[in-house]
C-alpha atoms as a PDB file:
ATOM      1  CA  MET A   1      60.714 -28.835 111.272  1.00  0.00           C
ATOM      2  CA  SER A   2      61.407 -31.501 110.791  1.00  0.00           C
ATOM      3  CA  SER A   3      60.421 -33.219 114.460  1.00  0.00           C
ATOM      4  CA  THR A   4      57.322 -31.147 113.106  1.00  0.00           C
ATOM      5  CA  ASN A   5      57.455 -33.807 110.149  1.00  0.00           C
ATOM      6  CA  GLN A   6      57.509 -36.547 111.399  1.00  0.00           C
ATOM      7  CA  ALA A   7      55.267 -36.344 114.315  1.00  0.00           C
ATOM      8  CA  TYR A   8      52.349 -35.527 112.255  1.00  0.00           C
ATOM      9  CA  ASP A   9      52.703 -38.168 109.755  1.00  0.00           C
ATOM     10  CA  GLU A  10      53.694 -41.563 112.989  1.00  0.00           C
ATOM     11  CA  ALA A  11      49.486 -39.224 114.166  1.00  0.00           C
ATOM     12  CA  ILE A  12      48.367 -40.223 110.735  1.00  0.00           C
ATOM     13  CA  LEU A  13      50.015 -43.900 110.317  1.00  0.00           C
ATOM     14  CA  ALA A  14      47.794 -43.937 113.632  1.00  0.00           C
ATOM     15  CA  CYS A  15      44.679 -42.753 112.731  1.00  0.00           C
ATOM     16  CA  ARG A  16      44.726 -44.038 108.223  1.00  0.00           C
ATOM     17  CA  ASP A  17      45.003 -47.376 110.514  1.00  0.00           C
ATOM     18  CA  ILE A  18      42.168 -47.220 112.104  1.00  0.00           C
ATOM     19  CA  PHE A  19      40.614 -45.939 108.720  1.00  0.00           C
ATOM     20  CA  ILE A  20      41.672 -48.377 106.731  1.00  0.00           C
ATOM     21  CA  LYS A  21      40.187 -51.208 109.239  1.00  0.00           C
ATOM     22  CA  LYS A  22      36.629 -49.656 109.677  1.00  0.00           C
ATOM     23  CA  THR A  23      36.016 -49.404 106.155  1.00  0.00           C
ATOM     24  CA  LYS A  24      37.157 -53.358 105.558  1.00  0.00           C
ATOM     25  CA  ASP A  25      34.888 -54.225 108.868  1.00  0.00           C
ATOM     26  CA  TYR A  26      32.340 -51.497 107.652  1.00  0.00           C
ATOM     27  CA  GLY A  27      32.959 -51.281 104.003  1.00  0.00           C
ATOM     28  CA  THR A  28      32.019 -47.277 103.179  1.00  0.00           C
ATOM     29  CA  ALA A  29      28.813 -47.228 105.133  1.00  0.00           C
ATOM     30  CA  TRP A  30      29.506 -43.271 105.683  1.00  0.00           C
ATOM     31  CA  ARG A  31      29.095 -42.615 102.250  1.00  0.00           C
ATOM     32  CA  VAL A  32      25.223 -41.749 103.459  1.00  0.00           C
ATOM     33  CA  LEU A  33      26.402 -39.374 106.031  1.00  0.00           C
ATOM     34  CA  ARG A  34      25.427 -35.903 104.190  1.00  0.00           C
ATOM     35  CA  THR A  35      27.868 -32.237 105.339  1.00  0.00           C
ATOM     36  CA  ILE A  36      25.258 -31.937 108.633  1.00  0.00           C
ATOM     37  CA  SER A  37      25.627 -34.918 110.634  1.00  0.00           C
ATOM     38  CA  VAL A  38      29.680 -35.491 109.657  1.00  0.00           C
ATOM     39  CA  VAL A  39      30.311 -32.632 111.599  1.00  0.00           C
ATOM     40  CA  ASP A  40      27.669 -33.549 114.440  1.00  0.00           C
ATOM     41  CA  GLN A  41      29.957 -36.793 114.696  1.00  0.00           C
ATOM     42  CA  ILE A  42      33.136 -34.656 115.347  1.00  0.00           C
ATOM     43  CA  PHE A  43      30.150 -31.910 117.477  1.00  0.00           C
ATOM     44  CA  ILE A  44      30.656 -34.800 119.531  1.00  0.00           C
ATOM     45  CA  LYS A  45      33.666 -35.733 119.741  1.00  0.00           C
ATOM     46  CA  ALA A  46      34.865 -32.866 120.431  1.00  0.00           C
ATOM     47  CA  LEU A  47      32.608 -31.841 123.040  1.00  0.00           C
ATOM     48  CA  ARG A  48      33.629 -34.997 124.698  1.00  0.00           C
ATOM     49  CA  ILE A  49      36.778 -33.990 124.847  1.00  0.00           C
ATOM     50  CA  ARG A  50      35.523 -30.703 126.517  1.00  0.00           C
ATOM     51  CA  THR A  51      34.078 -31.738 128.501  1.00  0.00           C
ATOM     52  CA  ILE A  52      36.691 -34.998 130.290  1.00  0.00           C
ATOM     53  CA  GLN A  53      38.771 -31.826 129.996  1.00  0.00           C
ATOM     54  CA  ASP A  54      36.185 -29.915 132.786  1.00  0.00           C
ATOM     55  CA  LEU A  55      35.706 -32.621 134.611  1.00  0.00           C
ATOM     56  CA  GLN A  56      38.357 -34.379 134.443  1.00  0.00           C
ATOM     57  CA  THR A  57      37.169 -38.061 134.618  1.00  0.00           C
ATOM     58  CA  GLN A  58      35.861 -39.814 132.100  1.00  0.00           C
ATOM     59  CA  LYS A  59      32.937 -43.621 132.317  1.00  0.00           C
ATOM     60  CA  VAL A  60      33.901 -44.716 128.429  1.00  0.00           C
ATOM     61  CA  GLY A  61      36.943 -46.559 127.718  1.00  0.00           C
ATOM     62  CA  ASP A  62      37.517 -44.339 124.535  1.00  0.00           C
ATOM     63  CA  ASP A  63      39.975 -41.413 126.112  1.00  0.00           C
ATOM     64  CA  ILE A  64      40.908 -38.042 124.127  1.00  0.00           C
ATOM     65  CA  ASN A  65      43.945 -39.137 122.332  1.00  0.00           C
ATOM     66  CA  SER A  66      40.932 -41.641 120.075  1.00  0.00           C
ATOM     67  CA  GLU A  67      39.112 -38.957 119.843  1.00  0.00           C
ATOM     68  CA  PHE A  68      40.868 -36.695 118.279  1.00  0.00           C
ATOM     69  CA  LYS A  69      41.955 -39.625 115.820  1.00  0.00           C
ATOM     70  CA  GLY A  70      38.700 -39.956 115.826  1.00  0.00           C
ATOM     71  CA  ILE A  71      38.240 -36.470 114.340  1.00  0.00           C
ATOM     72  CA  VAL A  72      41.103 -36.440 111.981  1.00  0.00           C
ATOM     73  CA  ASN A  73      38.643 -39.635 110.221  1.00  0.00           C
ATOM     74  CA  TYR A  74      35.564 -37.625 110.538  1.00  0.00           C
ATOM     75  CA  ALA A  75      37.295 -34.717 108.780  1.00  0.00           C
ATOM     76  CA  VAL A  76      38.790 -36.983 106.556  1.00  0.00           C
ATOM     77  CA  ILE A  77      35.238 -37.999 105.705  1.00  0.00           C
ATOM     78  CA  GLY A  78      33.425 -34.411 105.080  1.00  0.00           C
ATOM     79  CA  LEU A  79      36.581 -33.719 102.588  1.00  0.00           C
ATOM     80  CA  ILE A  80      35.598 -37.541 101.070  1.00  0.00           C
ATOM     81  CA  GLN A  81      32.382 -36.943 101.189  1.00  0.00           C
ATOM     82  CA  LEU A  82      32.490 -33.186  99.748  1.00  0.00           C
ATOM     83  CA  ALA A  83      34.131 -33.998  97.196  1.00  0.00           C
ATOM     84  CA  LEU A  84      32.419 -37.078  95.746  1.00  0.00           C
ATOM     85  CA  GLY A  85      28.946 -34.999  96.942  1.00  0.00           C
ATOM     86  CA  ASN A  86      25.673 -36.948  96.096  1.00  0.00           C
ATOM     87  CA  PRO A  87      26.091 -38.496  99.848  1.00  0.00           C
ATOM     88  CA  GLN A  88      24.039 -42.198  99.744  1.00  0.00           C
ATOM     89  CA  VAL A  89      23.934 -46.041  99.827  1.00  0.00           C
ATOM     90  CA  GLU A  90      27.570 -46.645  98.195  1.00  0.00           C
ATOM     91  CA  GLU A  91      30.506 -49.363  98.565  1.00  0.00           C
ATOM     92  CA  LEU A  92      33.812 -47.925  97.545  1.00  0.00           C
ATOM     93  CA  PRO A  93      36.357 -49.744  96.913  1.00  0.00           C
ATOM     94  CA  VAL A  94      39.231 -50.116  99.667  1.00  0.00           C
ATOM     95  CA  ASP A  95      42.438 -48.208  97.977  1.00  0.00           C
ATOM     96  CA  GLN A  96      40.036 -45.785  96.502  1.00  0.00           C
ATOM     97  CA  VAL A  97      39.393 -45.061  99.631  1.00  0.00           C
ATOM     98  CA  GLU A  98      43.235 -44.665 101.133  1.00  0.00           C
ATOM     99  CA  LYS A  99      43.771 -43.142  97.745  1.00  0.00           C
ATOM    100  CA  LEU A 100      41.305 -40.236  98.367  1.00  0.00           C
ATOM    101  CA  TYR A 101      42.298 -40.494 102.265  1.00  0.00           C
ATOM    102  CA  LEU A 102      45.682 -40.077 101.690  1.00  0.00           C
ATOM    103  CA  GLN A 103      45.354 -36.374  99.140  1.00  0.00           C
ATOM    104  CA  TYR A 104      43.158 -34.752 101.905  1.00  0.00           C
ATOM    105  CA  VAL A 105      45.699 -35.904 104.746  1.00  0.00           C
ATOM    106  CA  ASP A 106      48.436 -34.110 102.528  1.00  0.00           C
ATOM    107  CA  PHE A 107      46.875 -31.751 100.858  1.00  0.00           C
ATOM    108  CA  ALA A 108      46.137 -30.575 105.230  1.00  0.00           C
ATOM    109  CA  ARG A 109      50.107 -31.426 104.992  1.00  0.00           C
ATOM    110  CA  GLN A 110      50.855 -28.889 102.636  1.00  0.00           C
ATOM    111  CA  THR A 111      47.899 -26.313 104.441  1.00  0.00           C
ATOM    112  CA  MET A 112      49.998 -26.978 107.722  1.00  0.00           C
ATOM    113  CA  LEU A 113      53.604 -26.734 106.598  1.00  0.00           C
ATOM    114  CA  ASP A 114      52.684 -23.657 105.043  1.00  0.00           C
ATOM    115  CA  LYS A 115      50.709 -21.670 108.594  1.00  0.00           C
ATOM    116  CA  ASN A 116      53.131 -22.604 110.658  1.00  0.00           C
ATOM    117  CA  HIS A 117      55.512 -21.002 108.010  1.00  0.00           C
ATOM    118  CA  ASP A 118      54.045 -18.031 108.855  1.00  0.00           C
ATOM    119  CA  TYR A 119      52.835 -18.694 112.459  1.00  0.00           C
ATOM    120  CA  GLY A 120      55.880 -20.663 113.605  1.00  0.00           C
ATOM    121  CA  GLU A 121      54.791 -23.383 115.026  1.00  0.00           C
ATOM    122  CA  ALA A 122      52.456 -20.787 117.670  1.00  0.00           C
ATOM    123  CA  TRP A 123      50.588 -23.742 118.374  1.00  0.00           C
ATOM    124  CA  ARG A 124      52.947 -26.411 119.802  1.00  0.00           C
ATOM    125  CA  ASP A 125      52.566 -23.447 122.171  1.00  0.00           C
ATOM    126  CA  MET A 126      48.841 -24.133 123.060  1.00  0.00           C
ATOM    127  CA  SER A 127      46.848 -26.019 124.835  1.00  0.00           C
ATOM    128  CA  GLN A 128      44.337 -29.595 124.591  1.00  0.00           C
ATOM    129  CA  GLU A 129      41.176 -27.022 125.617  1.00  0.00           C
ATOM    130  CA  SER A 130      41.933 -24.447 123.134  1.00  0.00           C
ATOM    131  CA  PHE A 131      42.279 -27.082 120.110  1.00  0.00           C
ATOM    132  CA  ALA A 132      38.794 -28.403 121.003  1.00  0.00           C
ATOM    133  CA  ASP A 133      37.022 -25.161 121.426  1.00  0.00           C
ATOM    134  CA  LEU A 134      38.619 -24.544 118.170  1.00  0.00           C
ATOM    135  CA  ILE A 135      37.331 -27.751 116.207  1.00  0.00           C
ATOM    136  CA  LEU A 136      33.671 -26.608 118.247  1.00  0.00           C
ATOM    137  CA  MET A 137      34.323 -23.362 116.567  1.00  0.00           C
ATOM    138  CA  LYS A 138      34.976 -24.159 113.257  1.00  0.00           C
ATOM    139  CA  LEU A 139      31.759 -26.619 113.513  1.00  0.00           C
ATOM    140  CA  MET A 140      29.704 -23.696 114.106  1.00  0.00           C
ATOM    141  CA  ARG A 141      30.995 -21.492 111.091  1.00  0.00           C
ATOM    142  CA  ILE A 142      29.950 -24.922 108.914  1.00  0.00           C
ATOM    143  CA  LYS A 143      27.260 -24.908 110.445  1.00  0.00           C
ATOM    144  CA  GLN A 144      26.959 -21.756 109.574  1.00  0.00           C
ATOM    145  CA  ILE A 145      27.924 -22.130 106.338  1.00  0.00           C
ATOM    146  CA  LEU A 146      25.616 -24.413 105.557  1.00  0.00           C
ATOM    147  CA  GLY A 147      22.518 -22.426 106.725  1.00  0.00           C
ATOM    148  CA  ASN A 148      23.277 -20.098 104.213  1.00  0.00           C
ATOM    149  CA  ASP A 149      23.542 -22.844 101.489  1.00  0.00           C
ATOM    150  CA  GLY A 150      26.872 -22.906 101.303  1.00  0.00           C
ATOM    151  CA  LYS A 151      28.160 -19.157 100.125  1.00  0.00           C
ATOM    152  CA  THR A 152      30.444 -17.800 102.016  1.00  0.00           C
ATOM    153  CA  LEU A 153      31.429 -13.196 101.552  1.00  0.00           C
ATOM    154  CA  ILE A 154      34.444 -13.447 101.719  1.00  0.00           C
ATOM    155  CA  SER A 155      35.295 -16.539 104.499  1.00  0.00           C
ATOM    156  CA  GLU A 156      37.201 -20.009 104.123  1.00  0.00           C
ATOM    157  CA  GLY A 157      34.308 -22.497 103.075  1.00  0.00           C
ATOM    158  CA  ILE A 158      33.671 -25.916 104.543  1.00  0.00           C
ATOM    159  CA  ASP A 159      36.992 -27.862 103.085  1.00  0.00           C
ATOM    160  CA  ALA A 160      39.430 -25.243 104.713  1.00  0.00           C
ATOM    161  CA  ASN A 161      37.130 -26.706 108.564  1.00  0.00           C
ATOM    162  CA  TYR A 162      37.516 -29.589 107.630  1.00  0.00           C
ATOM    163  CA  VAL A 163      41.298 -29.128 107.007  1.00  0.00           C
ATOM    164  CA  ASP A 164      41.514 -26.721 109.709  1.00  0.00           C
ATOM    165  CA  ILE A 165      39.882 -29.539 111.879  1.00  0.00           C
ATOM    166  CA  LEU A 166      42.303 -31.972 110.327  1.00  0.00           C
ATOM    167  CA  ASN A 167      45.255 -29.930 111.274  1.00  0.00           C
ATOM    168  CA  TYR A 168      44.317 -28.585 115.584  1.00  0.00           C
ATOM    169  CA  SER A 169      43.554 -32.686 116.203  1.00  0.00           C
ATOM    170  CA  VAL A 170      47.298 -33.976 115.155  1.00  0.00           C
ATOM    171  CA  PHE A 171      48.433 -31.112 116.429  1.00  0.00           C
ATOM    172  CA  ALA A 172      47.572 -32.050 119.476  1.00  0.00           C
ATOM    173  CA  LEU A 173      48.298 -35.898 118.818  1.00  0.00           C
ATOM    174  CA  ILE A 174      50.972 -34.212 118.902  1.00  0.00           C
ATOM    175  CA  LEU A 175      51.756 -33.275 121.654  1.00  0.00           C
ATOM    176  CA  ILE A 176      50.368 -36.051 123.908  1.00  0.00           C
ATOM    177  CA  SER A 177      52.775 -37.682 122.021  1.00  0.00           C
ATOM    178  CA  GLU A 178      54.979 -35.931 123.469  1.00  0.00           C
ATOM    179  CA  GLY A 179      54.119 -35.540 126.547  1.00  0.00           C
ATOM    180  CA  LYS A 180      52.595 -31.972 126.785  1.00  0.00           C
ATOM    181  CA  HIS A 181      49.357 -32.803 127.379  1.00  0.00           C
END
C-alpha cells in the first residue's frame, strides 16, 4: 500500500504542477465553466484517449498520459466549481486555488484509501481501456443527474462522480508510470 500512496502522490504532484503553472499563465478563466462545460471538457479528453486506444495511433502531440493528467485537473476544477457555486468571471488568487486544489485532492486520496481497503487494489488488474470507459460512464451519470436538476434518489451525487473520475485517472497514471500500460 505504501508504494500506492507514494505513486498516487507523485502522480498528483505532476498534475498539480501543471495546474498551478496554467493558473499563473491563464488565471482562473475556468471559473466561468458551468458543470456541463466541465463535464464536456473531461468527455473530450476521455473520448480522445479511447480513440487513440482503439486506433493505436494519434496525430496530435499530447499523449494518453497527458490526457489523464488533464482529466485529473478538470475533475478538481469540477469539485472546486461545485463548492464555490455560481460560475462567473472571477479571478482567484493562486494561493487560494492551490489550497482548494489540495483540499479536493486530499479528499479524493482518502476516498481512494478507503476503497482500496475494501476492494484490495483491484484497479491494479484493470486495463487502461476500462479506466477510459469508466470515466465516460461517470460523465454520462453526471449528465443524467444534471438532467434531473441535480437530484438523485439513491445514487451518489456529482461530486462523488468527479472523485471517481479523478481517482481512475490517477490509477491510469500510476500504471503508465509503472510500465503496465
